Amino acid sequence: MVRVPLTPEQIEAGRRLGALFRETRAGRDPASVALSAGISPETLRKIEMGRLPSPGFGTVVGLCAALGLPLDTAAQVWLGPTDQHLAAG
């Protein structure tokens, strides 16, 4: 299976999502957050730095649960301001 390259918009969405997770973590130990989310600390670091701009759905759900962040908030951030109408429909 060949993976289609991400678009610049998808890469930017991943950066926004990573920044949200980093800000929400707000000083909590990355290793404990990662463990609670069921991922490695390295994966968390890559997501937060935007180097993994398209994390799997289960990873996003796990991070939201570990951080006490509503999944809808993460979805809104990923969609960005120009796609907000898509989430409402």
Protein backbone atom coordinates (compact mmCIF):
# COMPACT_ATOMS: atom_id res chain seq x y z
CA MET A 1 0.00 0.00 0.00
CA VAL A 2 1.38 3.37 -1.03
CA ARG A 3 0.76 6.26 1.32
CA VAL A 4 -0.21 9.52 -0.35
CA PRO A 5 1.99 12.42 0.80
CA LEU A 6 0.37 14.87 3.18
CA THR A 7 -0.70 18.23 1.82
CA PRO A 8 0.74 21.44 3.27
CA GLU A 9 -2.66 22.02 4.89
CA GLN A 10 -2.56 18.62 6.60
CA ILE A 11 0.97 19.28 7.83
CA GLU A 12 -0.12 22.64 9.28
CA ALA A 13 -3.14 20.97 10.92
CA GLY A 14 -0.77 18.50 12.58
CA ARG A 15 1.37 21.36 13.85
CA ARG A 16 -1.69 23.03 15.38
CA LEU A 17 -2.73 19.77 17.02
CA GLY A 18 0.78 19.18 18.38
CA ALA A 19 0.87 22.71 19.81
CA LEU A 20 -2.50 22.11 21.48
CA PHE A 21 -1.23 18.92 23.13
CA ARG A 22 1.99 20.64 24.24
CA GLU A 23 0.09 23.59 25.72
CA THR A 24 -2.47 21.34 27.40
CA ARG A 25 0.27 19.17 28.92
CA ALA A 26 1.55 22.40 30.54
CA GLY A 27 4.59 21.10 32.36
CA ARG A 28 3.28 17.64 33.19
CA ASP A 29 5.88 14.92 32.78
CA PRO A 30 5.86 13.87 29.12
CA ALA A 31 6.71 10.27 29.97
CA SER A 32 3.74 9.88 32.29
CA VAL A 33 1.36 11.55 29.80
CA ALA A 34 2.65 9.29 27.02
CA LEU A 35 2.31 6.17 29.20
CA SER A 36 -1.23 7.17 30.14
CA ALA A 37 -2.05 7.70 26.44
CA GLY A 38 -0.56 4.34 25.46
CA ILE A 39 2.24 5.80 23.33
CA SER A 40 5.97 6.25 23.73
CA PRO A 41 7.48 9.50 25.00
CA GLU A 42 9.26 9.79 21.64
CA THR A 43 5.94 9.60 19.79
CA LEU A 44 4.50 12.29 22.05
CA ARG A 45 7.54 14.48 21.41
CA LYS A 46 7.19 14.04 17.63
CA ILE A 47 3.49 14.92 17.75
CA GLU A 48 4.08 17.98 19.92
CA MET A 49 6.87 19.22 17.66
CA GLY A 50 4.84 18.70 14.48
CA ARG A 51 7.14 15.98 13.17
CA LEU A 52 4.27 13.49 13.22
CA PRO A 53 1.52 15.64 11.69
CA SER A 54 -0.98 12.87 11.12
CA PRO A 55 -1.24 10.73 14.28
CA GLY A 56 -3.69 7.84 14.28
CA PHE A 57 -7.19 8.31 15.64
CA GLY A 58 -6.50 6.02 18.60
CA THR A 59 -3.41 8.04 19.46
CA VAL A 60 -5.38 11.30 19.40
CA VAL A 61 -8.15 9.76 21.52
CA GLY A 62 -5.59 8.42 24.01
CA LEU A 63 -3.83 11.78 24.29
CA CYS A 64 -7.11 13.62 24.76
CA ALA A 65 -8.09 11.20 27.52
CA ALA A 66 -4.68 11.44 29.20
CA LEU A 67 -4.78 15.24 29.11
CA GLY A 68 -8.45 15.67 30.01
CA LEU A 69 -8.96 17.41 26.68
CA PRO A 70 -12.30 17.05 24.89
CA LEU A 71 -11.87 15.22 21.60
CA ASP A 72 -14.08 17.84 19.96
CA THR A 73 -11.58 20.55 20.94
CA ALA A 74 -8.75 18.62 19.28
CA ALA A 75 -10.89 18.15 16.16
CA GLN A 76 -11.68 21.88 16.00
CA VAL A 77 -7.99 22.77 16.29
CA TRP A 78 -7.05 20.25 13.62
CA LEU A 79 -9.74 21.58 11.28
CA GLY A 80 -8.58 25.14 11.79
CA PRO A 81 -10.50 28.36 11.30
CA THR A 82 -11.32 27.85 7.61
CA ASP A 83 -12.84 24.38 8.15
CA GLN A 84 -14.93 25.11 11.25
CA HIS A 85 -18.15 24.95 9.23
CA LEU A 86 -17.41 21.30 8.34
CA ALA A 87 -17.52 20.24 12.01
CA ALA A 88 -20.90 21.90 12.52
CA GLY A 89 -22.59 20.21 9.55
